């Protein structure tokens, strides 16, 4: 997260998502983090699939993640919308 500008803050990076059987797929993402008056953050991240293992070895696609996060707390939830082809 880049805090050098006023909110919403930009964020970017890479991620790994693992299926129950251990297969993984990888993404790069960009997005925003917007502080809310109640102390939570709204996080929106646009992901592009860059590869994977097992059934995701030839995976492609993109999706958006929507999160309401509470700073300092590990728990939370995220909703994804998009397409994965494998």
C-alpha atoms as a PDB file:
ATOM      1  CA  UNK A   1       0.000   0.000   0.000  1.00  0.00           C
ATOM      2  CA  UNK A   2       1.355   3.414  -0.955  1.00  0.00           C
ATOM      3  CA  UNK A   3       0.541   5.981   1.751  1.00  0.00           C
ATOM      4  CA  UNK A   4       2.382   8.901   0.096  1.00  0.00           C
ATOM      5  CA  UNK A   5      -0.756  10.247  -1.590  1.00  0.00           C
ATOM      6  CA  UNK A   6      -4.186  11.095  -0.178  1.00  0.00           C
ATOM      7  CA  UNK A   7      -6.753   8.245  -0.046  1.00  0.00           C
ATOM      8  CA  UNK A   8      -7.718   6.133  -1.759  1.00  0.00           C
ATOM      9  CA  UNK A   9      -4.278   4.519  -1.526  1.00  0.00           C
ATOM     10  CA  UNK A  10      -2.868   2.499  -4.418  1.00  0.00           C
ATOM     11  CA  UNK A  11      -1.735  -1.065  -3.862  1.00  0.00           C
ATOM     12  CA  UNK A  12      -0.112  -3.635  -6.100  1.00  0.00           C
ATOM     13  CA  UNK A  13       1.719  -6.909  -5.864  1.00  0.00           C
ATOM     14  CA  UNK A  14       1.524 -10.630  -6.449  1.00  0.00           C
ATOM     15  CA  UNK A  15      -0.600 -13.330  -4.864  1.00  0.00           C
ATOM     16  CA  UNK A  16      -0.896 -17.106  -4.703  1.00  0.00           C
ATOM     17  CA  UNK A  17      -4.197 -18.941  -4.269  1.00  0.00           C
ATOM     18  CA  UNK A  18      -4.114 -22.623  -3.249  1.00  0.00           C
ATOM     19  CA  UNK A  19      -6.925 -25.119  -3.902  1.00  0.00           C
ATOM     20  CA  UNK A  20      -7.834 -27.794  -1.360  1.00  0.00           C
ATOM     21  CA  UNK A  21      -5.739 -30.388  -3.252  1.00  0.00           C
ATOM     22  CA  UNK A  22      -2.615 -28.174  -3.192  1.00  0.00           C
ATOM     23  CA  UNK A  23      -2.780 -26.901  -6.796  1.00  0.00           C
ATOM     24  CA  UNK A  24      -1.951 -23.194  -6.978  1.00  0.00           C
ATOM     25  CA  UNK A  25      -2.408 -20.268  -9.307  1.00  0.00           C
ATOM     26  CA  UNK A  26      -0.570 -16.978  -9.263  1.00  0.00           C
ATOM     27  CA  UNK A  27      -1.647 -13.426 -10.004  1.00  0.00           C
ATOM     28  CA  UNK A  28      -0.402  -9.891 -10.262  1.00  0.00           C
ATOM     29  CA  UNK A  29      -2.775  -7.248  -8.943  1.00  0.00           C
ATOM     30  CA  UNK A  30      -3.369  -3.525  -8.722  1.00  0.00           C
ATOM     31  CA  UNK A  31      -6.043  -1.787  -6.719  1.00  0.00           C
ATOM     32  CA  UNK A  32      -7.089   0.716  -4.094  1.00  0.00           C
ATOM     33  CA  UNK A  33      -7.496   0.858  -0.327  1.00  0.00           C
ATOM     34  CA  UNK A  34     -10.072   3.385   0.877  1.00  0.00           C
ATOM     35  CA  UNK A  35     -10.374   4.176   4.609  1.00  0.00           C
ATOM     36  CA  UNK A  36     -13.963   4.276   5.902  1.00  0.00           C
ATOM     37  CA  UNK A  37     -15.299   6.476   8.750  1.00  0.00           C
ATOM     38  CA  UNK A  38     -15.928   3.368  10.923  1.00  0.00           C
ATOM     39  CA  UNK A  39     -12.209   2.430  10.911  1.00  0.00           C
ATOM     40  CA  UNK A  40     -12.488  -0.302   8.281  1.00  0.00           C
ATOM     41  CA  UNK A  41     -10.926  -0.209   4.826  1.00  0.00           C
ATOM     42  CA  UNK A  42     -12.587  -0.997   1.513  1.00  0.00           C
ATOM     43  CA  UNK A  43     -10.075  -2.836  -0.685  1.00  0.00           C
ATOM     44  CA  UNK A  44     -10.648  -3.479  -4.403  1.00  0.00           C
ATOM     45  CA  UNK A  45      -7.986  -5.437  -6.331  1.00  0.00           C
ATOM     46  CA  UNK A  46      -7.902  -6.326 -10.039  1.00  0.00           C
ATOM     47  CA  UNK A  47      -6.011  -9.612 -10.580  1.00  0.00           C
ATOM     48  CA  UNK A  48      -4.494 -11.081 -13.757  1.00  0.00           C
ATOM     49  CA  UNK A  49      -3.609 -14.790 -13.612  1.00  0.00           C
ATOM     50  CA  UNK A  50       0.041 -15.354 -14.519  1.00  0.00           C
ATOM     51  CA  UNK A  51       0.462 -19.144 -14.109  1.00  0.00           C
ATOM     52  CA  UNK A  52      -0.036 -22.045 -11.809  1.00  0.00           C
ATOM     53  CA  UNK A  53       0.616 -25.659 -10.861  1.00  0.00           C
ATOM     54  CA  UNK A  54      -1.338 -28.896 -11.336  1.00  0.00           C
ATOM     55  CA  UNK A  55      -4.734 -28.297 -12.915  1.00  0.00           C
ATOM     56  CA  UNK A  56      -3.918 -24.554 -13.022  1.00  0.00           C
ATOM     57  CA  UNK A  57      -0.665 -25.015 -14.999  1.00  0.00           C
ATOM     58  CA  UNK A  58      -2.189 -23.426 -18.132  1.00  0.00           C
ATOM     59  CA  UNK A  59      -4.598 -21.146 -16.245  1.00  0.00           C
ATOM     60  CA  UNK A  60      -5.524 -17.722 -17.556  1.00  0.00           C
ATOM     61  CA  UNK A  61      -8.125 -15.101 -16.749  1.00  0.00           C
ATOM     62  CA  UNK A  62      -8.778 -12.160 -14.518  1.00  0.00           C
ATOM     63  CA  UNK A  63     -10.953 -11.309 -11.555  1.00  0.00           C
ATOM     64  CA  UNK A  64     -11.645  -8.559  -9.051  1.00  0.00           C
ATOM     65  CA  UNK A  65     -11.506  -9.006  -5.287  1.00  0.00           C
ATOM     66  CA  UNK A  66     -13.694  -6.941  -2.954  1.00  0.00           C
ATOM     67  CA  UNK A  67     -12.787  -6.772   0.760  1.00  0.00           C
ATOM     68  CA  UNK A  68     -13.797  -4.895   3.885  1.00  0.00           C
ATOM     69  CA  UNK A  69     -10.760  -5.086   6.158  1.00  0.00           C
ATOM     70  CA  UNK A  70     -10.145  -4.136   9.769  1.00  0.00           C
ATOM     71  CA  UNK A  71      -6.587  -2.872  10.333  1.00  0.00           C
ATOM     72  CA  UNK A  72      -4.745  -4.993  12.901  1.00  0.00           C
ATOM     73  CA  UNK A  73      -7.059  -8.004  12.507  1.00  0.00           C
ATOM     74  CA  UNK A  74      -6.152 -11.087  10.475  1.00  0.00           C
ATOM     75  CA  UNK A  75      -9.737 -12.241   9.990  1.00  0.00           C
ATOM     76  CA  UNK A  76     -11.920 -10.929   7.214  1.00  0.00           C
ATOM     77  CA  UNK A  77     -13.663 -11.941   4.040  1.00  0.00           C
ATOM     78  CA  UNK A  78     -13.171 -11.347   0.355  1.00  0.00           C
ATOM     79  CA  UNK A  79     -15.521 -11.777  -2.592  1.00  0.00           C
ATOM     80  CA  UNK A  80     -14.176 -12.485  -6.083  1.00  0.00           C
ATOM     81  CA  UNK A  81     -15.852 -11.877  -9.434  1.00  0.00           C
ATOM     82  CA  UNK A  82     -14.275 -12.910 -12.725  1.00  0.00           C
ATOM     83  CA  UNK A  83     -13.162 -15.816 -14.901  1.00  0.00           C
ATOM     84  CA  UNK A  84     -10.516 -18.528 -14.634  1.00  0.00           C
ATOM     85  CA  UNK A  85      -9.879 -20.784 -17.625  1.00  0.00           C
ATOM     86  CA  UNK A  86      -7.862 -23.982 -17.108  1.00  0.00           C
END
